[in-house]
Amino acid sequence: MLSIIDFLIIWSWFYYVDPDPSISIAVVIIYPLLFFINLLAGVILWLTKKRNLSLLFIINSVVTVIIASFLWPNAIRRHQSRIWISYSFPHNAKNYHISIHKPDHTFMITESVNPGSSSSFQEGICNYESGKIILKTDSTRYIIEHDVLTGFTKNKIQLKKE
């Protein structure tokens, strides 16, 4: 029962915080904090002669960290999928990556020849029209519909959603 309560509290906390990857280092503080809160509760209960509850909280100090270590990466993934749409595709011996930032309706296309290196290819604005994502710059217009890109070449390009 205590683990279920922990799960709900930690999930609510992470949902409220809505962590992005830039604060992933926070686990260095969060995990020990959760551990010591439960350990402190266990020690206080031990000192007040409630040994059965004390052992429960001492065991739960480890369980809580395990629950948090499961929920934290999921919270980051939820945040990322809430604000970003990402696609990739190969073309002419290059790999392209499309990143769409939902809050400000912008996009960026990067190209890469070698793994680990990329350069900005195009940036612009995007709109959503009846199930389509319209990517526009001053001189180009691309359409993404059902994970297929049109307008980049004469042929349609199948995209890999990331």
Protein backbone atom coordinates (compact mmCIF):
# COMPACT_ATOMS: atom_id res chain seq x y z
CA MET A 1 0.00 0.00 0.00
CA LEU A 2 2.84 2.37 0.86
CA SER A 3 4.46 1.72 -2.52
CA ILE A 4 1.22 2.59 -4.31
CA ILE A 5 1.02 5.86 -2.40
CA ASP A 6 4.68 6.54 -3.24
CA PHE A 7 4.01 5.80 -6.91
CA LEU A 8 1.09 8.23 -7.02
CA ILE A 9 2.95 10.99 -5.16
CA ILE A 10 6.11 10.66 -7.27
CA TRP A 11 4.14 10.44 -10.52
CA SER A 12 2.14 13.56 -9.55
CA TRP A 13 5.32 15.40 -8.62
CA PHE A 14 7.08 14.49 -11.88
CA TYR A 15 3.94 15.34 -13.85
CA TYR A 16 3.83 18.77 -12.20
CA VAL A 17 7.56 19.41 -12.68
CA ASP A 18 7.38 18.23 -16.33
CA PRO A 19 11.15 17.68 -16.58
CA ASP A 20 13.03 18.30 -19.78
CA PRO A 21 16.34 16.54 -20.52
CA SER A 22 18.38 19.55 -19.43
CA ILE A 23 17.50 18.87 -15.79
CA SER A 24 18.25 15.16 -15.85
CA ILE A 25 21.10 15.77 -13.44
CA ALA A 26 18.42 16.47 -10.83
CA VAL A 27 18.26 12.74 -10.14
CA VAL A 28 21.48 13.22 -8.17
CA ILE A 29 19.36 15.15 -5.68
CA ILE A 30 15.94 13.53 -6.14
CA TYR A 31 16.88 9.89 -5.58
CA PRO A 32 18.85 10.47 -2.36
CA LEU A 33 16.12 12.86 -1.13
CA LEU A 34 13.44 10.20 -1.58
CA PHE A 35 15.68 7.61 0.05
CA PHE A 36 16.45 9.75 3.11
CA ILE A 37 12.85 10.93 3.60
CA ASN A 38 11.71 7.33 3.91
CA LEU A 39 14.74 6.39 5.99
CA LEU A 40 14.10 9.33 8.34
CA ALA A 41 10.47 8.27 8.73
CA GLY A 42 11.68 4.75 9.50
CA VAL A 43 14.15 5.96 12.12
CA ILE A 44 11.54 8.19 13.79
CA LEU A 45 9.09 5.29 13.93
CA TRP A 46 11.86 3.05 15.33
CA LEU A 47 12.58 5.55 18.09
CA THR A 48 8.88 5.78 18.94
CA LYS A 49 8.78 1.98 19.35
CA LYS A 50 6.68 1.36 16.22
CA ARG A 51 9.13 -1.16 14.85
CA ASN A 52 6.81 -2.87 12.32
CA LEU A 53 6.06 0.44 10.61
CA SER A 54 9.71 1.41 10.94
CA LEU A 55 10.89 -1.63 8.96
CA LEU A 56 8.26 -0.91 6.33
CA PHE A 57 9.62 2.61 5.76
CA ILE A 58 13.23 1.43 5.80
CA ILE A 59 12.45 -1.14 3.08
CA ASN A 60 10.36 1.44 1.26
CA SER A 61 13.35 3.81 1.09
CA VAL A 62 14.84 1.47 -1.54
CA VAL A 63 11.51 0.77 -3.25
CA THR A 64 10.86 4.51 -3.62
CA VAL A 65 14.13 5.05 -5.45
CA ILE A 66 13.31 2.16 -7.79
CA ILE A 67 9.88 3.67 -8.50
CA ALA A 68 11.42 7.11 -9.13
CA SER A 69 14.08 5.66 -11.43
CA PHE A 70 11.28 4.12 -13.50
CA LEU A 71 9.11 7.26 -13.57
CA TRP A 72 11.81 9.90 -14.21
CA PRO A 73 12.79 8.78 -17.75
CA ASN A 74 9.10 8.36 -18.61
CA ALA A 75 8.41 11.91 -17.43
CA ILE A 76 11.20 13.21 -19.67
CA ARG A 77 9.85 11.23 -22.64
CA ARG A 78 6.35 12.61 -21.97
CA HIS A 79 7.74 16.15 -21.91
CA GLN A 80 9.64 15.63 -25.15
CA SER A 81 6.68 14.12 -27.00
CA ARG A 82 4.45 16.93 -25.71
CA ILE A 83 6.59 19.68 -27.27
CA TRP A 84 8.52 17.99 -30.12
CA ILE A 85 7.77 15.92 -33.21
CA SER A 86 10.85 14.37 -34.81
CA TYR A 87 11.37 12.53 -38.06
CA SER A 88 14.41 11.28 -39.92
CA PHE A 89 15.11 10.03 -43.42
CA PRO A 90 18.08 9.20 -45.67
CA HIS A 91 18.54 10.91 -49.04
CA ASN A 92 21.57 11.03 -51.39
CA ALA A 93 24.02 9.50 -48.88
CA LYS A 94 22.98 11.99 -46.21
CA ASN A 95 20.74 11.59 -43.19
CA TYR A 96 18.18 14.28 -42.53
CA HIS A 97 16.42 15.02 -39.27
CA ILE A 98 13.25 17.11 -38.98
CA SER A 99 12.50 18.62 -35.57
CA ILE A 100 9.17 20.36 -35.08
CA HIS A 101 8.76 22.49 -31.97
CA LYS A 102 5.02 22.45 -31.22
CA PRO A 103 4.74 25.45 -28.85
CA ASP A 104 6.10 28.05 -31.27
CA HIS A 105 5.20 26.27 -34.56
CA THR A 106 8.75 26.21 -35.91
CA PHE A 107 10.85 23.49 -37.48
CA MET A 108 14.46 22.76 -38.29
CA ILE A 109 15.91 20.30 -40.77
CA THR A 110 19.47 19.19 -40.18
CA GLU A 111 21.64 17.10 -42.44
CA SER A 112 24.42 14.74 -41.53
CA VAL A 113 27.00 12.90 -43.57
CA ASN A 114 28.79 11.22 -40.66
CA PRO A 115 27.29 9.95 -37.42
CA GLY A 116 27.71 12.48 -34.63
CA SER A 117 27.97 15.53 -36.87
CA SER A 118 25.18 17.58 -38.33
CA SER A 119 24.56 21.00 -39.78
CA SER A 120 21.46 23.09 -40.06
CA PHE A 121 19.83 22.69 -43.44
CA GLN A 122 16.62 24.72 -43.18
CA GLU A 123 14.47 26.46 -40.62
CA GLY A 124 10.96 27.77 -40.88
CA ILE A 125 7.42 27.73 -39.57
CA CYS A 126 4.92 24.92 -39.53
CA ASN A 127 1.15 24.81 -39.62
CA TYR A 128 -1.33 22.02 -39.09
CA GLU A 129 -4.09 21.60 -41.65
CA SER A 130 -6.54 18.69 -41.58
CA GLY A 131 -4.08 16.01 -40.49
CA LYS A 132 -1.16 17.42 -42.45
CA ILE A 133 1.92 19.21 -41.18
CA ILE A 134 2.91 22.03 -43.52
CA LEU A 135 6.56 23.12 -43.27
CA LYS A 136 7.30 26.48 -44.89
CA THR A 137 10.36 28.64 -45.45
CA ASP A 138 10.64 31.71 -47.67
CA SER A 139 11.28 29.54 -50.72
CA THR A 140 10.06 26.01 -49.90
CA ARG A 141 6.97 24.18 -48.79
CA TYR A 142 6.94 20.60 -47.56
CA ILE A 143 4.01 18.50 -46.45
CA ILE A 144 4.08 15.63 -43.96
CA GLU A 145 1.07 13.36 -44.01
CA HIS A 146 0.94 9.83 -42.57
CA ASP A 147 4.73 9.89 -42.03
CA VAL A 148 5.37 10.67 -45.70
CA LEU A 149 7.21 13.82 -46.83
CA THR A 150 6.33 15.49 -50.10
CA GLY A 151 7.99 18.50 -51.69
CA PHE A 152 11.56 17.69 -50.66
CA THR A 153 12.23 15.79 -53.90
CA LYS A 154 10.06 14.84 -56.84
CA ASN A 155 9.27 11.56 -55.07
CA LYS A 156 7.54 11.04 -51.78
CA ILE A 157 9.86 10.11 -48.92
CA GLN A 158 8.89 7.72 -46.15
CA LEU A 159 9.81 9.21 -42.77
CA LYS A 160 10.86 7.42 -39.62
CA LYS A 161 9.12 8.94 -36.62
CA GLU A 162 11.42 9.24 -33.62
